[in-house]
Amino acid sequence: MTLLSPNYIYIDGTFKENLAVAFEKKIHAIEPLSKLKQQYPHAKVLEAKKNSVLYPGFINTHVHLEFSANSTTLQYGEFMPWLNSVIKNREDLVAKCDNAVMQKACQTMMNSGITTFGTISSFGTELEVCTQTPQKVIFFNELIGSNASTADMLYQDFLERLDVSKKCGEGIIPAIAIHAPYSVHPIVLKRAINVAITEQLPLSAHFLESQSEREWLENNSGAFLEFFQKFFSTSKSVTNISEFIESFDSIPTHFTHAVQATTKELEYLAKKGHSIAHCPRSNRFLGCGRLPIEKLHELNIPFSVATDGLSSNNSLNIFDELRSALMLHHEEALDKLSALLIKGVTSVPAEIFNLNSGKIELNRDADFALVSLPDEPNSLEDIALQTILHVNRVDDVYIGGEKIKM
């Protein structure tokens, strides 16, 4: 048994003083340290440094490890030039992204307190690294293929990758990702969704990331028209927006981005119990616009805050992401926004994916991120904001009760 005593603990969306946590693999008790010492007289006692804050381990729901070799290769600013640069450089970037590169990406996430992440896997190349990292991984096997002549072949490849991820055991949660409405044929889309429903697997899908995507799906026009004519010899989308989102009616899905979704479409997502992964820096770097999280809050749509991959970001540090979100949503009150953002990397993604983490409460997994502030906070209500503003790296990370070497 270990007793960990910080200055402040994040519990149920608020910050508490004068409490400590008793844990092994799971949390056994949350009481004042003096009481825990009496209850567990032989426990190891760890008193954190001054101005320390204990959070549940952070959860990053959406990252692309396979493109972690990118830094200055891909073109930022607008979505379609970026996508064309991905097509042009994809093979080279994937080849450069060896295990060492992906291990470094995992370590970067862990240094910022991420104890669980969801990786979108197009090829399965990062599975070995994911089995070796101490972090828990939601392994999203991605389905792609809009051309009817190759869709079956790509679907079989997807099933094979999914099957391999199912055999990895503890630490890997097999899951399914749909690339995007413009890139997956409706027939194989329905098959994959049925697999997710039957096997009760987590499901994710990129959705309405850019205005170009919206124009293509609505009118078969815009920048995507030239793209599909050039690479796929077609001038017609395989689906439309309504058909795509209605395909997910029977299973709650984590839609990524949704920047260009209308209020009506967001209302539909809310009605069907879906959620959204919000990637502020990726959206900004690719010129996609701003996700109106105030509207999500109004409609009671759960949202996580995620980094996306290094193909559309400059770091996988979750504090960098949270700071960017503070600036992007400039009309929101800082205290309320900070509270929402912290929930977006803790309790909300845990609830979305039914994880036994994301909260510091009895019987939850002992996954923690311990940070320290540079000075004593003025009030308990300021801690979320001050954490986002001043922390770049956590002091310690615990996963399943084990302190991870940083």
Protein backbone atom coordinates (compact mmCIF):
# COMPACT_ATOMS: atom_id res chain seq x y z
CA MET A 1 0.00 0.00 0.00
CA THR A 2 1.19 3.55 -0.83
CA LEU A 3 -0.03 6.77 0.73
CA LEU A 4 0.42 9.85 -1.47
CA SER A 5 -0.07 13.25 0.12
CA PRO A 6 -0.17 16.32 -2.15
CA ASN A 7 -1.30 19.85 -1.22
CA TYR A 8 -4.37 19.59 -3.42
CA ILE A 9 -6.34 16.77 -5.00
CA TYR A 10 -8.67 17.11 -7.99
CA ILE A 11 -11.85 15.28 -6.97
CA ASP A 12 -15.15 15.38 -8.84
CA GLY A 13 -14.35 18.61 -10.68
CA THR A 14 -13.13 20.49 -7.59
CA PHE A 15 -9.90 20.84 -5.63
CA LYS A 16 -9.62 19.55 -2.07
CA GLU A 17 -6.99 20.27 0.58
CA ASN A 18 -5.67 18.17 3.47
CA LEU A 19 -6.38 14.81 1.86
CA ALA A 20 -4.18 11.92 0.81
CA VAL A 21 -4.75 8.83 -1.33
CA ALA A 22 -4.15 5.22 -0.35
CA PHE A 23 -3.64 2.94 -3.30
CA GLU A 24 -2.24 -0.25 -4.72
CA LYS A 25 -3.36 -0.98 -8.29
CA LYS A 26 -6.63 0.73 -7.43
CA ILE A 27 -7.59 3.53 -5.05
CA HIS A 28 -8.49 2.17 -1.60
CA ALA A 29 -9.12 5.32 0.41
CA ILE A 30 -9.12 9.13 0.28
CA GLU A 31 -8.76 10.62 3.74
CA PRO A 32 -6.50 12.96 5.74
CA LEU A 33 -2.97 11.54 5.88
CA SER A 34 -3.09 11.08 9.66
CA LYS A 35 -6.13 8.85 9.35
CA LEU A 36 -4.61 6.83 6.51
CA LYS A 37 -1.43 6.26 8.53
CA GLN A 38 -3.54 4.78 11.31
CA GLN A 39 -5.50 2.67 8.86
CA TYR A 40 -2.41 1.48 6.96
CA PRO A 41 0.48 1.62 9.48
CA HIS A 42 2.89 -0.29 7.22
CA ALA A 43 2.17 1.67 4.05
CA LYS A 44 4.84 3.58 2.15
CA VAL A 45 4.26 7.32 2.66
CA LEU A 46 5.06 9.81 -0.09
CA GLU A 47 4.67 13.51 0.63
CA ALA A 48 4.68 15.57 -2.56
CA LYS A 49 6.59 18.81 -2.96
CA LYS A 50 5.16 22.22 -2.07
CA ASN A 51 2.18 23.50 -4.10
CA SER A 52 1.57 20.04 -5.54
CA VAL A 53 -1.66 19.01 -7.25
CA LEU A 54 -2.74 15.42 -7.81
CA TYR A 55 -4.84 14.82 -10.92
CA PRO A 56 -6.16 11.62 -12.40
CA GLY A 57 -3.88 10.52 -15.22
CA PHE A 58 -4.69 12.56 -18.32
CA ILE A 59 -6.37 10.92 -21.31
CA ASN A 60 -5.52 11.91 -24.91
CA THR A 61 -8.25 10.39 -27.07
CA HIS A 62 -6.84 11.11 -30.52
CA VAL A 63 -3.26 10.84 -31.78
CA HIS A 64 -1.57 9.44 -34.90
CA LEU A 65 1.69 7.82 -33.80
CA GLU A 66 2.45 6.61 -37.33
CA PHE A 67 3.23 10.16 -38.46
CA SER A 68 5.43 11.10 -35.50
CA ALA A 69 8.45 11.60 -37.80
CA ASN A 70 6.97 14.81 -39.21
CA SER A 71 8.21 18.19 -38.11
CA THR A 72 8.66 20.55 -41.07
CA THR A 73 7.75 18.27 -43.99
CA LEU A 74 4.00 18.81 -44.23
CA GLN A 75 2.38 22.05 -45.33
CA TYR A 76 0.23 23.91 -42.81
CA GLY A 77 -2.20 26.81 -43.24
CA GLU A 78 -5.03 25.22 -45.21
CA PHE A 79 -6.52 21.75 -45.21
CA MET A 80 -6.19 20.76 -48.87
CA PRO A 81 -2.54 21.83 -49.34
CA TRP A 82 -1.83 19.90 -46.13
CA LEU A 83 -3.66 16.81 -47.41
CA ASN A 84 -1.80 16.95 -50.72
CA SER A 85 1.49 17.17 -48.82
CA VAL A 86 0.47 14.11 -46.79
CA ILE A 87 -0.18 12.13 -49.98
CA LYS A 88 3.14 13.28 -51.44
CA ASN A 89 5.24 12.50 -48.35
CA ARG A 90 3.30 9.71 -46.68
CA GLU A 91 5.53 6.78 -47.61
CA ASP A 92 8.69 8.62 -46.63
CA LEU A 93 7.27 9.79 -43.29
CA VAL A 94 5.95 6.35 -42.39
CA ALA A 95 9.30 4.78 -43.29
CA LYS A 96 11.14 7.25 -41.03
CA CYS A 97 8.73 6.62 -38.17
CA ASP A 98 10.47 3.66 -36.57
CA ASN A 99 9.86 2.31 -33.07
CA ALA A 100 12.33 4.74 -31.51
CA VAL A 101 10.45 7.71 -32.96
CA MET A 102 7.11 6.41 -31.73
CA GLN A 103 8.52 5.53 -28.30
CA LYS A 104 9.72 9.12 -28.01
CA ALA A 105 6.20 10.32 -28.86
CA CYS A 106 4.74 8.11 -26.13
CA GLN A 107 7.31 9.43 -23.66
CA THR A 108 6.48 13.03 -24.57
CA MET A 109 2.84 12.34 -23.81
CA MET A 110 3.74 10.67 -20.52
CA ASN A 111 5.94 13.61 -19.51
CA SER A 112 2.81 15.76 -19.67
CA GLY A 113 0.79 13.29 -17.59
CA ILE A 114 -0.98 11.29 -20.29
CA THR A 115 -1.54 7.80 -18.87
CA THR A 116 -4.03 6.67 -21.53
CA PHE A 117 -4.17 7.57 -25.21
CA GLY A 118 -6.15 6.62 -28.27
CA THR A 119 -4.04 6.07 -31.36
CA ILE A 120 -5.48 5.97 -34.87
CA SER A 121 -3.69 3.18 -36.70
CA SER A 122 -3.78 3.07 -40.49
CA PHE A 123 -1.18 0.35 -40.94
CA GLY A 124 -0.68 -1.32 -37.55
CA THR A 125 2.98 -0.35 -37.43
CA GLU A 126 2.76 1.21 -33.95
CA LEU A 127 1.18 -1.82 -32.26
CA GLU A 128 4.50 -3.17 -30.97
CA VAL A 129 5.36 0.17 -29.37
CA CYS A 130 1.89 0.40 -27.86
CA THR A 131 2.32 -2.99 -26.20
CA GLN A 132 5.63 -1.83 -24.70
CA THR A 133 4.67 1.60 -23.38
CA PRO A 134 3.46 1.68 -19.75
CA GLN A 135 0.46 3.71 -20.87
CA LYS A 136 -2.93 2.23 -21.58
CA VAL A 137 -3.82 2.42 -25.26
CA ILE A 138 -7.14 2.52 -27.07
CA PHE A 139 -5.92 1.06 -30.34
CA PHE A 140 -8.18 2.39 -33.11
CA ASN A 141 -7.74 0.22 -36.20
CA GLU A 142 -8.64 2.58 -39.02
CA LEU A 143 -10.86 1.66 -41.95
CA ILE A 144 -10.32 3.53 -45.20
CA GLY A 145 -11.42 2.88 -48.78
CA SER A 146 -14.03 4.74 -50.85
CA ASN A 147 -13.42 2.98 -54.17
CA ALA A 148 -15.81 0.07 -54.58
CA SER A 149 -13.22 -1.97 -56.50
CA THR A 150 -10.71 -1.94 -53.63
CA ALA A 151 -13.02 -1.51 -50.62
CA ASP A 152 -13.34 -5.25 -49.92
CA MET A 153 -9.58 -5.76 -49.98
CA LEU A 154 -9.01 -2.83 -47.63
CA TYR A 155 -11.79 -4.08 -45.36
CA GLN A 156 -10.12 -7.49 -45.06
CA ASP A 157 -6.85 -5.79 -44.19
CA PHE A 158 -8.70 -3.78 -41.54
CA LEU A 159 -10.20 -6.97 -40.06
CA GLU A 160 -6.78 -8.63 -39.93
CA ARG A 161 -5.26 -5.65 -38.12
CA LEU A 162 -8.20 -5.56 -35.72
CA ASP A 163 -7.80 -9.26 -34.97
CA VAL A 164 -4.10 -8.81 -34.15
CA SER A 165 -4.88 -5.98 -31.73
CA LYS A 166 -7.46 -8.14 -29.96
CA LYS A 167 -4.75 -10.63 -29.04
CA CYS A 168 -2.47 -8.13 -27.28
CA GLY A 169 -4.05 -8.56 -23.88
CA GLU A 170 -4.01 -6.14 -20.95
CA GLY A 171 -3.05 -2.57 -21.73
CA ILE A 172 -4.40 -2.59 -25.29
CA ILE A 173 -8.09 -1.85 -25.85
CA PRO A 174 -8.99 -2.90 -29.43
CA ALA A 175 -11.12 -0.31 -31.17
CA ILE A 176 -12.34 0.83 -34.60
CA ALA A 177 -11.83 4.13 -36.41
CA ILE A 178 -13.58 5.27 -39.56
CA HIS A 179 -11.24 7.52 -41.51
CA ALA A 180 -13.81 10.05 -42.78
CA PRO A 181 -17.13 10.22 -44.65
CA TYR A 182 -15.40 11.04 -47.93
CA SER A 183 -12.94 8.13 -47.72
CA VAL A 184 -15.00 5.10 -46.63
CA HIS A 185 -17.56 3.36 -48.83
CA PRO A 186 -21.01 3.07 -47.15
CA ILE A 187 -21.10 -0.71 -47.59
CA VAL A 188 -17.87 -1.39 -45.67
CA LEU A 189 -18.75 1.39 -43.24
CA LYS A 190 -21.88 -0.49 -42.20
CA ARG A 191 -19.91 -3.73 -41.85
CA ALA A 192 -17.38 -2.08 -39.55
CA ILE A 193 -20.08 -0.46 -37.45
CA ASN A 194 -21.79 -3.84 -37.07
CA VAL A 195 -18.50 -5.29 -35.82
CA ALA A 196 -18.23 -2.48 -33.28
CA ILE A 197 -21.80 -3.08 -32.11
CA THR A 198 -21.50 -6.86 -31.96
CA GLU A 199 -18.15 -6.89 -30.18
CA GLN A 200 -18.82 -3.73 -28.13
CA LEU A 201 -15.68 -1.99 -29.36
CA PRO A 202 -14.98 1.75 -29.02
CA LEU A 203 -15.72 3.62 -32.25
CA SER A 204 -14.25 6.84 -33.62
CA ALA A 205 -14.58 8.77 -36.88
CA HIS A 206 -13.11 11.92 -38.40
CA PHE A 207 -16.05 14.18 -39.26
CA LEU A 208 -16.44 17.56 -40.99
CA GLU A 209 -12.93 18.73 -40.28
CA SER A 210 -12.77 21.29 -43.09
CA GLN A 211 -14.98 23.45 -45.28
CA SER A 212 -13.63 21.56 -48.31
CA GLU A 213 -15.01 18.32 -46.87
CA ARG A 214 -18.41 19.93 -46.38
CA GLU A 215 -18.52 21.28 -49.95
CA TRP A 216 -17.62 17.87 -51.34
CA LEU A 217 -20.17 15.95 -49.31
CA GLU A 218 -22.96 18.46 -49.96
CA ASN A 219 -22.35 19.51 -53.55
CA ASN A 220 -19.57 17.37 -55.08
CA SER A 221 -17.64 20.59 -55.52
CA GLY A 222 -14.78 22.57 -54.06
CA ALA A 223 -11.14 21.61 -53.58
CA PHE A 224 -11.96 17.96 -52.97
CA LEU A 225 -13.33 17.66 -56.52
CA GLU A 226 -9.89 18.14 -58.06
CA PHE A 227 -8.38 15.84 -55.42
CA PHE A 228 -10.76 12.96 -56.15
CA GLN A 229 -10.54 13.44 -59.90
CA LYS A 230 -6.75 13.32 -59.71
CA PHE A 231 -6.29 10.38 -57.33
CA PHE A 232 -9.50 8.37 -57.69
CA SER A 233 -10.94 9.34 -61.11
CA THR A 234 -14.31 10.24 -59.65
CA SER A 235 -16.40 13.41 -59.45
CA LYS A 236 -18.98 12.19 -56.98
CA SER A 237 -18.85 11.59 -53.23
CA VAL A 238 -19.74 8.09 -52.02
CA THR A 239 -22.03 9.49 -49.33
CA ASN A 240 -23.50 12.67 -47.89
CA ILE A 241 -23.47 14.16 -44.41
CA SER A 242 -26.88 12.91 -43.28
CA GLU A 243 -26.31 9.39 -44.59
CA PHE A 244 -22.97 9.23 -42.83
CA ILE A 245 -24.05 10.35 -39.37
CA GLU A 246 -27.23 8.26 -39.50
CA SER A 247 -25.05 5.18 -39.99
CA PHE A 248 -23.92 5.58 -36.37
CA ASP A 249 -27.40 5.77 -34.84
CA SER A 250 -27.05 2.46 -33.00
CA ILE A 251 -23.69 3.07 -31.29
CA PRO A 252 -22.27 6.07 -29.43
CA THR A 253 -19.31 7.32 -31.47
CA HIS A 254 -16.44 9.70 -30.73
CA PHE A 255 -16.41 12.07 -33.71
CA THR A 256 -13.12 13.90 -34.21
CA HIS A 257 -13.05 17.61 -35.10
CA ALA A 258 -16.66 18.38 -36.26
CA VAL A 259 -15.47 21.96 -36.77
CA GLN A 260 -17.76 22.50 -39.77
CA ALA A 261 -20.85 20.84 -38.28
CA THR A 262 -23.99 22.96 -38.22
CA THR A 263 -26.14 23.49 -35.14
CA LYS A 264 -28.67 21.07 -36.60
CA GLU A 265 -26.02 18.40 -37.06
CA LEU A 266 -24.67 18.96 -33.56
CA GLU A 267 -28.19 18.62 -32.22
CA TYR A 268 -28.46 15.29 -34.02
CA LEU A 269 -25.18 14.09 -32.50
CA ALA A 270 -26.46 15.12 -29.07
CA LYS A 271 -29.74 13.28 -29.60
CA LYS A 272 -27.93 10.06 -30.50
CA GLY A 273 -25.52 10.18 -27.55
CA HIS A 274 -22.33 10.87 -29.50
CA SER A 275 -19.26 12.79 -28.35
CA ILE A 276 -16.51 14.88 -29.96
CA ALA A 277 -12.72 14.95 -29.82
CA HIS A 278 -11.59 18.58 -29.89
CA CYS A 279 -8.11 19.20 -31.35
CA PRO A 280 -7.58 22.99 -31.13
CA ARG A 281 -4.05 23.29 -32.53
CA SER A 282 -4.64 20.86 -35.37
CA ASN A 283 -7.75 22.78 -36.39
CA ARG A 284 -5.82 26.05 -36.33
CA PHE A 285 -2.74 24.74 -38.14
CA LEU A 286 -4.85 23.30 -40.97
CA GLY A 287 -7.06 26.39 -41.25
CA CYS A 288 -10.22 24.47 -40.38
CA GLY A 289 -11.85 26.98 -38.03
CA ARG A 290 -12.97 26.81 -34.40
CA LEU A 291 -15.14 24.16 -32.81
CA PRO A 292 -17.83 26.04 -30.83
CA ILE A 293 -17.44 24.26 -27.52
CA GLU A 294 -19.94 26.66 -25.97
CA LYS A 295 -22.54 25.09 -28.27
CA LEU A 296 -21.41 21.60 -27.24
CA HIS A 297 -21.84 22.61 -23.60
CA GLU A 298 -25.29 24.02 -24.35
CA LEU A 299 -26.34 20.80 -26.13
CA ASN A 300 -24.73 18.58 -23.48
CA ILE A 301 -22.38 16.94 -25.99
CA PRO A 302 -19.39 15.47 -24.14
CA PHE A 303 -16.05 16.50 -25.61
CA SER A 304 -12.48 15.45 -24.98
CA VAL A 305 -9.42 17.60 -25.63
CA ALA A 306 -6.84 15.80 -27.78
CA THR A 307 -3.55 16.62 -29.46
CA ASP A 308 -4.11 14.87 -32.82
CA GLY A 309 -0.81 13.65 -34.28
CA LEU A 310 2.45 15.32 -35.21
CA SER A 311 1.20 15.31 -38.79
CA SER A 312 -0.89 18.33 -37.78
CA ASN A 313 0.69 19.57 -34.57
CA ASN A 314 4.04 20.67 -33.18
CA SER A 315 3.95 18.69 -29.92
CA LEU A 316 2.05 15.96 -28.09
CA ASN A 317 2.23 17.81 -24.78
CA ILE A 318 -1.30 18.04 -23.40
CA PHE A 319 -0.51 21.28 -21.53
CA ASP A 320 0.40 22.92 -24.84
CA GLU A 321 -2.99 21.82 -26.14
CA LEU A 322 -4.88 23.13 -23.13
CA ARG A 323 -3.13 26.51 -23.33
CA SER A 324 -3.99 26.78 -27.01
CA ALA A 325 -7.63 26.02 -26.22
CA LEU A 326 -7.63 28.85 -23.67
CA MET A 327 -6.58 31.28 -26.40
CA LEU A 328 -8.76 29.83 -29.17
CA HIS A 329 -11.96 30.14 -27.16
CA HIS A 330 -11.28 33.73 -26.25
CA GLU A 331 -14.85 34.74 -25.43
CA GLU A 332 -15.27 32.14 -22.67
CA ALA A 333 -14.69 33.03 -19.02
CA LEU A 334 -11.26 31.69 -18.07
CA ASP A 335 -12.35 29.96 -14.87
CA LYS A 336 -15.24 28.09 -16.46
CA LEU A 337 -13.26 27.27 -19.60
CA SER A 338 -10.33 25.93 -17.56
CA ALA A 339 -12.66 23.67 -15.60
CA LEU A 340 -14.18 22.31 -18.83
CA LEU A 341 -10.77 21.70 -20.37
CA ILE A 342 -9.46 19.76 -17.35
CA LYS A 343 -12.59 17.60 -17.47
CA GLY A 344 -11.90 17.13 -21.18
CA VAL A 345 -8.68 15.26 -20.40
CA THR A 346 -9.88 13.39 -17.30
CA SER A 347 -13.44 12.42 -16.38
CA VAL A 348 -15.15 13.10 -19.71
CA PRO A 349 -12.98 10.83 -21.92
CA ALA A 350 -13.08 8.18 -19.18
CA GLU A 351 -16.87 8.24 -19.30
CA ILE A 352 -16.95 8.28 -23.10
CA PHE A 353 -14.81 5.13 -23.34
CA ASN A 354 -15.99 3.48 -20.13
CA LEU A 355 -12.52 3.54 -18.59
CA ASN A 356 -11.97 2.83 -14.92
CA SER A 357 -9.79 5.93 -14.64
CA GLY A 358 -10.20 9.68 -15.17
CA LYS A 359 -11.33 10.29 -11.58
CA ILE A 360 -9.78 10.07 -8.15
CA GLU A 361 -12.36 8.01 -6.31
CA LEU A 362 -12.61 4.65 -4.59
CA ASN A 363 -11.99 1.54 -6.72
CA ARG A 364 -10.78 3.54 -9.72
CA ASP A 365 -7.45 2.59 -11.27
CA ALA A 366 -4.58 4.34 -9.53
CA ASP A 367 -3.60 6.39 -12.59
CA PHE A 368 -2.25 9.76 -11.47
CA ALA A 369 -0.51 12.85 -12.80
CA LEU A 370 1.25 14.77 -10.03
CA VAL A 371 2.18 18.37 -10.84
CA SER A 372 3.50 21.31 -8.86
CA LEU A 373 2.64 24.98 -9.28
CA PRO A 374 5.38 27.63 -9.11
CA ASP A 375 3.69 29.35 -6.17
CA GLU A 376 0.74 28.95 -3.84
CA PRO A 377 -2.56 29.50 -5.70
CA ASN A 378 -4.71 32.41 -4.58
CA SER A 379 -7.79 30.18 -4.25
CA LEU A 380 -8.89 26.62 -4.93
CA GLU A 381 -10.97 27.89 -7.85
CA ASP A 382 -7.80 29.17 -9.57
CA ILE A 383 -5.94 25.85 -9.63
CA ALA A 384 -7.27 24.54 -12.95
CA LEU A 385 -6.31 27.75 -14.77
CA GLN A 386 -2.95 28.06 -13.03
CA THR A 387 -2.14 24.44 -13.87
CA ILE A 388 -2.85 25.04 -17.55
CA LEU A 389 -0.85 28.28 -17.57
CA HIS A 390 2.23 27.21 -15.64
CA VAL A 391 2.78 23.46 -15.93
CA ASN A 392 4.75 21.99 -18.83
CA ARG A 393 5.83 18.69 -17.33
CA VAL A 394 4.46 16.56 -14.51
CA ASP A 395 6.54 15.63 -11.48
CA ASP A 396 5.41 12.01 -11.39
CA VAL A 397 3.13 9.62 -13.23
CA TYR A 398 1.47 6.53 -11.77
CA ILE A 399 -0.23 3.89 -13.89
CA GLY A 400 -2.06 1.08 -12.15
CA GLY A 401 -0.45 2.17 -8.90
CA GLU A 402 3.09 1.89 -10.26
CA LYS A 403 5.31 4.95 -10.38
CA ILE A 404 6.66 5.25 -13.90
CA LYS A 405 10.26 6.23 -14.49
CA MET A 406 10.28 9.52 -16.36
